[in-house]
Amino acid sequence: MRLEAITWDRLGDLLAERLLDLRPADGSPWPRVAFDGAPTARPGDLAERVSEALRLRGRPSLVVATEGFLRPASVRLEYGRQDVESYYSGWYDTGALRREVLGPLEPGGDGRVLPDLWDPVTDRATRSPYVRLPPGAPLLLHGPFLLRHRFPFDLSVHVLLTPGALRRRTPDAEQWTLPAFERYERETDPAATADVLVRADDPRHPAWSG
């Protein structure tokens, strides 16, 4: 796959323009977009950039982080703080994401989305109010391992780091998570699965294919 050099600003603009014309295949009035990538790849930064580009074009959107849907620590850390299997399969409450974020945006849904559910710092429910998305407003969901759950995305963006870059940029305290991303690559192949691929080994000089 050929990747072309681009700036983050230009990438945000191009993705925003694409979303203006995106019509979900299932007839939903709300485009659902994944920004997939390891935390150190910072897919949330790109989601926020796209949201701002949409705002400048008069289109509202909602950015949601999967970190706001972590399971409680008693469940998440049942097998220890560095259990790779738990991190890969059990840290994120995918049921709540389907129920509170993606479900309301299905055809016939009411558009009322819960922006977050759990605060990982306080380990308590956030009690955030629901946000009602007007028709045409995209959901921009970002986090790791998004493409393995068969969520109903209308567009998927994967922010790629090569194994070497991922290792270098992952903090020492989080190096234990690397086998989970190796497994994700083997089982899901997000670089081939995503609609848009962004390579960010050098965060100053991204490249993309889409």
Protein backbone atom coordinates (compact mmCIF):
# COMPACT_ATOMS: atom_id res chain seq x y z
CA MET A 1 0.00 0.00 0.00
CA ARG A 2 1.39 3.39 -1.01
CA LEU A 3 1.31 6.10 1.63
CA GLU A 4 1.53 9.81 0.86
CA ALA A 5 3.05 12.43 3.13
CA ILE A 6 0.55 14.87 4.61
CA THR A 7 0.21 17.35 7.45
CA TRP A 8 -2.13 16.73 10.37
CA ASP A 9 -4.10 19.87 9.52
CA ARG A 10 -4.59 18.77 5.93
CA LEU A 11 -5.54 15.27 7.04
CA GLY A 12 -8.14 16.66 9.42
CA ASP A 13 -9.61 18.77 6.64
CA LEU A 14 -9.74 15.89 4.15
CA LEU A 15 -11.42 13.55 6.62
CA ALA A 16 -13.91 16.24 7.60
CA GLU A 17 -14.80 16.82 3.95
CA ARG A 18 -15.30 13.10 3.52
CA LEU A 19 -17.63 12.95 6.50
CA LEU A 20 -19.78 15.77 5.17
CA ASP A 21 -20.86 13.48 2.34
CA LEU A 22 -20.84 10.17 4.21
CA ARG A 23 -24.18 8.36 4.16
CA PRO A 24 -24.37 5.24 6.35
CA ALA A 25 -25.24 2.14 4.36
CA ASP A 26 -27.81 1.01 6.95
CA GLY A 27 -29.80 4.24 6.65
CA SER A 28 -28.77 5.70 10.00
CA PRO A 29 -28.73 9.52 9.98
CA TRP A 30 -25.57 9.51 12.13
CA PRO A 31 -22.21 8.53 10.61
CA ARG A 32 -20.18 6.42 13.04
CA VAL A 33 -16.42 6.75 12.69
CA ALA A 34 -13.62 4.80 14.37
CA PHE A 35 -10.23 6.31 15.14
CA ASP A 36 -8.32 3.19 16.06
CA GLY A 37 -4.82 3.00 17.48
CA ALA A 38 -2.62 2.35 20.46
CA PRO A 39 -2.75 5.08 23.12
CA THR A 40 0.75 6.26 22.21
CA ALA A 41 -0.37 6.70 18.57
CA ARG A 42 -2.83 9.30 19.91
CA PRO A 43 -5.84 8.54 17.69
CA GLY A 44 -7.88 10.86 19.91
CA ASP A 45 -5.83 13.83 18.75
CA LEU A 46 -6.84 13.11 15.16
CA ALA A 47 -10.49 12.66 16.18
CA GLU A 48 -10.44 16.06 17.91
CA ARG A 49 -8.80 17.63 14.86
CA VAL A 50 -11.50 16.25 12.59
CA SER A 51 -14.20 17.43 15.00
CA GLU A 52 -12.78 20.96 14.90
CA ALA A 53 -12.61 20.88 11.10
CA LEU A 54 -16.26 19.80 11.02
CA ARG A 55 -17.22 22.60 13.40
CA LEU A 56 -15.61 25.16 11.10
CA ARG A 57 -17.77 23.74 8.31
CA GLY A 58 -20.93 24.12 10.35
CA ARG A 59 -21.32 20.43 11.19
CA PRO A 60 -21.52 19.35 14.84
CA SER A 61 -19.97 16.08 15.99
CA LEU A 62 -19.24 14.19 19.18
CA VAL A 63 -15.85 12.79 20.17
CA VAL A 64 -16.03 9.81 22.52
CA ALA A 65 -13.03 8.01 24.06
CA THR A 66 -13.21 4.34 24.92
CA GLU A 67 -11.18 5.22 28.03
CA GLY A 68 -14.44 6.61 29.40
CA PHE A 69 -15.89 3.10 29.16
CA LEU A 70 -13.29 1.18 31.13
CA ARG A 71 -14.63 -1.49 33.43
CA PRO A 72 -14.32 -0.92 37.19
CA ALA A 73 -10.88 -1.69 38.59
CA SER A 74 -12.24 -4.66 40.56
CA VAL A 75 -13.16 -6.30 37.25
CA ARG A 76 -10.46 -4.85 35.01
CA LEU A 77 -7.61 -5.78 37.32
CA GLU A 78 -8.98 -9.06 38.66
CA TYR A 79 -5.95 -10.95 37.35
CA GLY A 80 -3.41 -8.26 38.16
CA ARG A 81 -2.40 -4.89 36.83
CA GLN A 82 -0.33 -6.31 33.99
CA ASP A 83 -2.42 -9.18 32.68
CA VAL A 84 -2.20 -8.99 28.87
CA GLU A 85 -5.27 -11.13 28.22
CA SER A 86 -7.42 -8.92 30.45
CA TYR A 87 -6.09 -5.78 28.77
CA TYR A 88 -6.87 -7.17 25.33
CA SER A 89 -10.27 -8.67 26.05
CA GLY A 90 -11.66 -7.31 29.29
CA TRP A 91 -10.62 -3.75 30.10
CA TYR A 92 -13.23 -1.98 27.98
CA ASP A 93 -16.97 -2.32 28.50
CA THR A 94 -17.93 -3.10 24.92
CA GLY A 95 -21.48 -3.89 25.99
CA ALA A 96 -21.90 -0.38 27.38
CA LEU A 97 -20.39 1.10 24.22
CA ARG A 98 -22.95 -0.75 22.13
CA ARG A 99 -25.81 0.13 24.46
CA GLU A 100 -25.02 3.75 25.32
CA VAL A 101 -23.04 5.03 22.32
CA LEU A 102 -23.63 3.01 19.17
CA GLY A 103 -27.13 1.66 19.81
CA PRO A 104 -28.82 5.09 19.98
CA LEU A 105 -27.31 5.91 16.57
CA GLU A 106 -28.76 2.92 14.76
CA PRO A 107 -31.66 3.45 12.34
CA GLY A 108 -34.68 4.38 14.45
CA GLY A 109 -32.51 5.41 17.39
CA ASP A 110 -33.06 8.60 19.35
CA GLY A 111 -29.51 9.98 19.00
CA ARG A 112 -29.01 10.26 22.78
CA VAL A 113 -25.41 9.23 23.45
CA LEU A 114 -23.66 8.84 26.79
CA PRO A 115 -20.21 10.46 26.30
CA ASP A 116 -18.57 8.52 29.14
CA LEU A 117 -19.53 6.07 31.85
CA TRP A 118 -16.57 5.45 34.16
CA ASP A 119 -13.76 7.62 35.48
CA PRO A 120 -10.57 5.51 35.61
CA VAL A 121 -8.92 7.95 38.04
CA THR A 122 -11.62 7.95 40.72
CA ASP A 123 -12.92 4.48 39.73
CA ARG A 124 -16.46 5.80 39.95
CA ALA A 125 -19.33 6.37 37.55
CA THR A 126 -19.02 9.76 35.84
CA ARG A 127 -22.75 10.47 35.85
CA SER A 128 -22.33 12.58 32.73
CA PRO A 129 -25.52 13.77 31.04
CA TYR A 130 -26.58 12.32 27.71
CA VAL A 131 -25.83 14.27 24.55
CA ARG A 132 -28.38 14.29 21.75
CA LEU A 133 -26.77 14.31 18.32
CA PRO A 134 -28.75 16.03 15.56
CA PRO A 135 -29.17 14.06 12.33
CA GLY A 136 -26.03 14.24 10.23
CA ALA A 137 -23.72 14.77 13.21
CA PRO A 138 -20.94 12.16 13.20
CA LEU A 139 -19.82 10.13 16.19
CA LEU A 140 -16.01 10.07 16.39
CA LEU A 141 -15.05 7.14 18.64
CA HIS A 142 -11.38 6.65 19.45
CA GLY A 143 -9.37 4.04 21.29
CA PRO A 144 -7.41 0.79 20.90
CA PHE A 145 -8.64 -2.52 19.45
CA LEU A 146 -11.78 -0.95 17.96
CA LEU A 147 -11.79 -2.98 14.77
CA ARG A 148 -11.99 -6.38 16.46
CA HIS A 149 -15.49 -5.95 17.89
CA ARG A 150 -17.62 -5.71 14.72
CA PHE A 151 -18.97 -2.36 15.77
CA PRO A 152 -21.17 -0.78 13.06
CA PHE A 153 -18.70 1.82 11.80
CA ASP A 154 -19.34 3.66 8.57
CA LEU A 155 -15.71 4.74 8.28
CA SER A 156 -12.64 3.45 10.09
CA VAL A 157 -9.28 5.16 10.50
CA HIS A 158 -6.29 3.27 11.87
CA VAL A 159 -3.33 5.25 13.20
CA LEU A 160 -0.42 2.90 12.65
CA LEU A 161 2.88 2.63 14.47
CA THR A 162 5.40 0.04 13.33
CA PRO A 163 6.43 -2.39 16.08
CA GLY A 164 9.69 -0.54 16.59
CA ALA A 165 8.01 2.86 16.86
CA LEU A 166 5.35 1.48 19.17
CA ARG A 167 8.03 0.04 21.43
CA ARG A 168 10.04 3.27 21.49
CA ARG A 169 7.08 5.53 22.15
CA THR A 170 5.34 3.39 24.76
CA PRO A 171 6.30 4.48 28.31
CA ASP A 172 8.28 1.98 30.36
CA ALA A 173 5.35 1.47 32.73
CA GLU A 174 3.16 0.38 29.79
CA GLN A 175 5.61 -1.85 27.93
CA TRP A 176 3.74 -4.88 29.25
CA THR A 177 0.82 -4.00 26.91
CA LEU A 178 2.87 -4.55 23.74
CA PRO A 179 1.97 -8.26 23.33
CA ALA A 180 -1.70 -7.25 23.18
CA PHE A 181 -1.01 -5.02 20.18
CA GLU A 182 1.03 -7.78 18.54
CA ARG A 183 -1.98 -10.07 18.94
CA TYR A 184 -4.29 -7.40 17.53
CA GLU A 185 -2.09 -7.14 14.44
CA ARG A 186 -2.14 -10.92 13.95
CA GLU A 187 -5.83 -11.45 14.53
CA THR A 188 -7.39 -8.30 13.05
CA ASP A 189 -4.76 -6.78 10.72
CA PRO A 190 -6.12 -3.26 11.30
CA ALA A 191 -3.84 -1.71 8.67
CA ALA A 192 -5.60 -3.78 5.99
CA THR A 193 -9.05 -3.67 7.62
CA ALA A 194 -9.39 0.09 8.06
CA ASP A 195 -10.78 2.35 5.35
CA VAL A 196 -8.10 4.97 6.04
CA LEU A 197 -4.55 4.25 7.17
CA VAL A 198 -2.39 6.88 8.85
CA ARG A 199 1.23 6.10 9.60
CA ALA A 200 2.58 8.13 12.50
CA ASP A 201 6.00 6.66 13.32
CA ASP A 202 7.32 10.23 13.24
CA PRO A 203 4.50 12.31 14.76
CA ARG A 204 5.84 15.39 12.96
CA HIS A 205 5.54 13.80 9.52
CA PRO A 206 2.47 11.58 9.10
CA ALA A 207 1.61 9.73 5.92
CA TRP A 208 -1.71 8.32 4.83
CA SER A 209 -3.67 6.24 2.37
CA GLY A 210 -7.39 6.61 2.05
